[in-house]
């Protein structure tokens, strides 16, 4: 299947804004800045996509499946570069189970 991605000025601006939002959330200690795939903190001091732990914009619905949502910020997720690479075009792995309450 042909790649359906676009790489417009709008796409660049949206990616940069999303990265800056992640940095802001991270500075506040907000877990929304963490990788949505593994739940671990992202290294926002590294340039995007420069190390396995650096930030990468992931799409909840893959661009291959939903090219109409590629530039929709509601479809964006913060992820590690490595986690996103390992996910590829597959659905994210299901959680290992439900979290146990603290009192358990």
C-alpha atoms as a PDB file:
ATOM      1  CA  UNK A   1       0.000   0.000   0.000  1.00  0.00           C
ATOM      2  CA  UNK A   2       1.339   3.438  -0.899  1.00  0.00           C
ATOM      3  CA  UNK A   3       2.337   5.797   1.891  1.00  0.00           C
ATOM      4  CA  UNK A   4      -0.495   8.276   2.476  1.00  0.00           C
ATOM      5  CA  UNK A   5       1.458  10.688   4.655  1.00  0.00           C
ATOM      6  CA  UNK A   6       1.641  14.368   3.941  1.00  0.00           C
ATOM      7  CA  UNK A   7       4.484  16.626   4.996  1.00  0.00           C
ATOM      8  CA  UNK A   8       3.144  20.141   4.693  1.00  0.00           C
ATOM      9  CA  UNK A   9       3.971  23.309   6.600  1.00  0.00           C
ATOM     10  CA  UNK A  10       0.807  22.677   8.605  1.00  0.00           C
ATOM     11  CA  UNK A  11       2.043  19.168   9.511  1.00  0.00           C
ATOM     12  CA  UNK A  12       5.397  20.596  10.679  1.00  0.00           C
ATOM     13  CA  UNK A  13       3.680  23.271  12.758  1.00  0.00           C
ATOM     14  CA  UNK A  14       1.288  20.780  14.357  1.00  0.00           C
ATOM     15  CA  UNK A  15       4.144  18.391  15.224  1.00  0.00           C
ATOM     16  CA  UNK A  16       6.148  21.220  16.791  1.00  0.00           C
ATOM     17  CA  UNK A  17       3.150  22.484  18.783  1.00  0.00           C
ATOM     18  CA  UNK A  18       2.439  18.966  20.045  1.00  0.00           C
ATOM     19  CA  UNK A  19       6.078  18.524  21.108  1.00  0.00           C
ATOM     20  CA  UNK A  20       5.978  21.854  22.968  1.00  0.00           C
ATOM     21  CA  UNK A  21       2.733  20.792  24.667  1.00  0.00           C
ATOM     22  CA  UNK A  22       4.465  17.586  25.821  1.00  0.00           C
ATOM     23  CA  UNK A  23       7.401  19.583  27.212  1.00  0.00           C
ATOM     24  CA  UNK A  24       4.982  21.853  29.119  1.00  0.00           C
ATOM     25  CA  UNK A  25       3.085  18.891  30.554  1.00  0.00           C
ATOM     26  CA  UNK A  26       6.339  17.157  31.484  1.00  0.00           C
ATOM     27  CA  UNK A  27       7.572  20.254  33.337  1.00  0.00           C
ATOM     28  CA  UNK A  28       4.336  20.182  35.352  1.00  0.00           C
ATOM     29  CA  UNK A  29       4.777  16.490  36.161  1.00  0.00           C
ATOM     30  CA  UNK A  30       1.619  15.617  34.227  1.00  0.00           C
ATOM     31  CA  UNK A  31       1.535  11.920  33.245  1.00  0.00           C
ATOM     32  CA  UNK A  32      -0.128  12.918  29.953  1.00  0.00           C
ATOM     33  CA  UNK A  33       3.410  13.803  28.797  1.00  0.00           C
ATOM     34  CA  UNK A  34       4.550  10.192  29.238  1.00  0.00           C
ATOM     35  CA  UNK A  35       4.640   7.639  26.438  1.00  0.00           C
ATOM     36  CA  UNK A  36       1.114   6.432  25.804  1.00  0.00           C
ATOM     37  CA  UNK A  37       2.432   3.020  24.731  1.00  0.00           C
ATOM     38  CA  UNK A  38       4.638   2.083  27.689  1.00  0.00           C
ATOM     39  CA  UNK A  39       3.680   4.693  30.313  1.00  0.00           C
ATOM     40  CA  UNK A  40       7.292   5.732  30.990  1.00  0.00           C
ATOM     41  CA  UNK A  41       8.605   9.337  30.913  1.00  0.00           C
ATOM     42  CA  UNK A  42       9.873  10.749  27.618  1.00  0.00           C
ATOM     43  CA  UNK A  43      13.218  12.565  27.362  1.00  0.00           C
ATOM     44  CA  UNK A  44      12.056  16.005  26.256  1.00  0.00           C
ATOM     45  CA  UNK A  45      15.607  17.401  26.524  1.00  0.00           C
ATOM     46  CA  UNK A  46      16.643  15.368  23.480  1.00  0.00           C
ATOM     47  CA  UNK A  47      15.769  16.488  19.977  1.00  0.00           C
ATOM     48  CA  UNK A  48      12.702  14.755  18.594  1.00  0.00           C
ATOM     49  CA  UNK A  49      13.411  11.293  17.149  1.00  0.00           C
ATOM     50  CA  UNK A  50      17.102  11.534  18.052  1.00  0.00           C
ATOM     51  CA  UNK A  51      17.303   8.761  20.679  1.00  0.00           C
ATOM     52  CA  UNK A  52      15.126   5.770  21.606  1.00  0.00           C
ATOM     53  CA  UNK A  53      13.724   7.706  24.604  1.00  0.00           C
ATOM     54  CA  UNK A  54      13.152  10.973  22.730  1.00  0.00           C
ATOM     55  CA  UNK A  55       9.727  12.281  21.736  1.00  0.00           C
ATOM     56  CA  UNK A  56       7.884  11.026  18.698  1.00  0.00           C
ATOM     57  CA  UNK A  57       4.390  12.017  17.644  1.00  0.00           C
ATOM     58  CA  UNK A  58       2.318   8.847  17.315  1.00  0.00           C
ATOM     59  CA  UNK A  59      -1.166   8.569  15.866  1.00  0.00           C
ATOM     60  CA  UNK A  60      -3.825   6.661  17.798  1.00  0.00           C
ATOM     61  CA  UNK A  61      -5.410   5.664  14.482  1.00  0.00           C
ATOM     62  CA  UNK A  62      -2.570   4.904  12.079  1.00  0.00           C
ATOM     63  CA  UNK A  63      -2.130   7.102   9.030  1.00  0.00           C
ATOM     64  CA  UNK A  64      -2.356   3.992   6.893  1.00  0.00           C
ATOM     65  CA  UNK A  65      -5.804   3.162   8.306  1.00  0.00           C
ATOM     66  CA  UNK A  66      -7.115   6.718   8.721  1.00  0.00           C
ATOM     67  CA  UNK A  67      -5.209   9.198   6.525  1.00  0.00           C
ATOM     68  CA  UNK A  68      -8.012  11.707   7.138  1.00  0.00           C
ATOM     69  CA  UNK A  69      -6.876  11.950  10.797  1.00  0.00           C
ATOM     70  CA  UNK A  70      -3.167  12.521  10.145  1.00  0.00           C
ATOM     71  CA  UNK A  71      -3.352  16.242  10.948  1.00  0.00           C
ATOM     72  CA  UNK A  72      -6.014  15.957  13.660  1.00  0.00           C
ATOM     73  CA  UNK A  73      -4.485  16.823  17.059  1.00  0.00           C
ATOM     74  CA  UNK A  74      -7.128  14.646  18.758  1.00  0.00           C
ATOM     75  CA  UNK A  75      -5.439  11.669  17.066  1.00  0.00           C
ATOM     76  CA  UNK A  76      -1.936  12.610  18.336  1.00  0.00           C
ATOM     77  CA  UNK A  77      -0.244  10.752  21.189  1.00  0.00           C
ATOM     78  CA  UNK A  78       3.098  11.367  22.906  1.00  0.00           C
ATOM     79  CA  UNK A  79       5.418   8.396  22.547  1.00  0.00           C
ATOM     80  CA  UNK A  80       9.045   7.350  22.679  1.00  0.00           C
ATOM     81  CA  UNK A  81      10.695   7.111  19.278  1.00  0.00           C
ATOM     82  CA  UNK A  82      11.485   3.435  19.943  1.00  0.00           C
ATOM     83  CA  UNK A  83       7.981   2.549  21.182  1.00  0.00           C
ATOM     84  CA  UNK A  84       6.401   4.117  18.106  1.00  0.00           C
ATOM     85  CA  UNK A  85       8.898   2.380  15.819  1.00  0.00           C
ATOM     86  CA  UNK A  86       8.196  -0.978  17.446  1.00  0.00           C
ATOM     87  CA  UNK A  87       4.446  -0.447  17.214  1.00  0.00           C
ATOM     88  CA  UNK A  88       4.646   0.318  13.508  1.00  0.00           C
ATOM     89  CA  UNK A  89       1.224   0.229  11.847  1.00  0.00           C
ATOM     90  CA  UNK A  90      -0.192  -2.260  14.333  1.00  0.00           C
ATOM     91  CA  UNK A  91      -2.723  -1.556  17.036  1.00  0.00           C
ATOM     92  CA  UNK A  92      -1.051  -0.879  20.395  1.00  0.00           C
ATOM     93  CA  UNK A  93      -0.526  -3.902  22.606  1.00  0.00           C
ATOM     94  CA  UNK A  94      -3.325  -4.332  25.134  1.00  0.00           C
ATOM     95  CA  UNK A  95      -2.473  -3.591  28.757  1.00  0.00           C
ATOM     96  CA  UNK A  96      -1.214  -6.563  30.762  1.00  0.00           C
ATOM     97  CA  UNK A  97      -4.178  -6.325  33.103  1.00  0.00           C
ATOM     98  CA  UNK A  98      -6.107  -3.959  35.242  1.00  0.00           C
ATOM     99  CA  UNK A  99      -4.185  -1.825  37.714  1.00  0.00           C
ATOM    100  CA  UNK A 100      -4.560  -2.985  41.278  1.00  0.00           C
ATOM    101  CA  UNK A 101      -5.803  -0.462  43.835  1.00  0.00           C
ATOM    102  CA  UNK A 102      -3.143   0.935  46.168  1.00  0.00           C
ATOM    103  CA  UNK A 103      -4.805  -0.705  49.175  1.00  0.00           C
ATOM    104  CA  UNK A 104      -4.576  -4.212  47.636  1.00  0.00           C
END
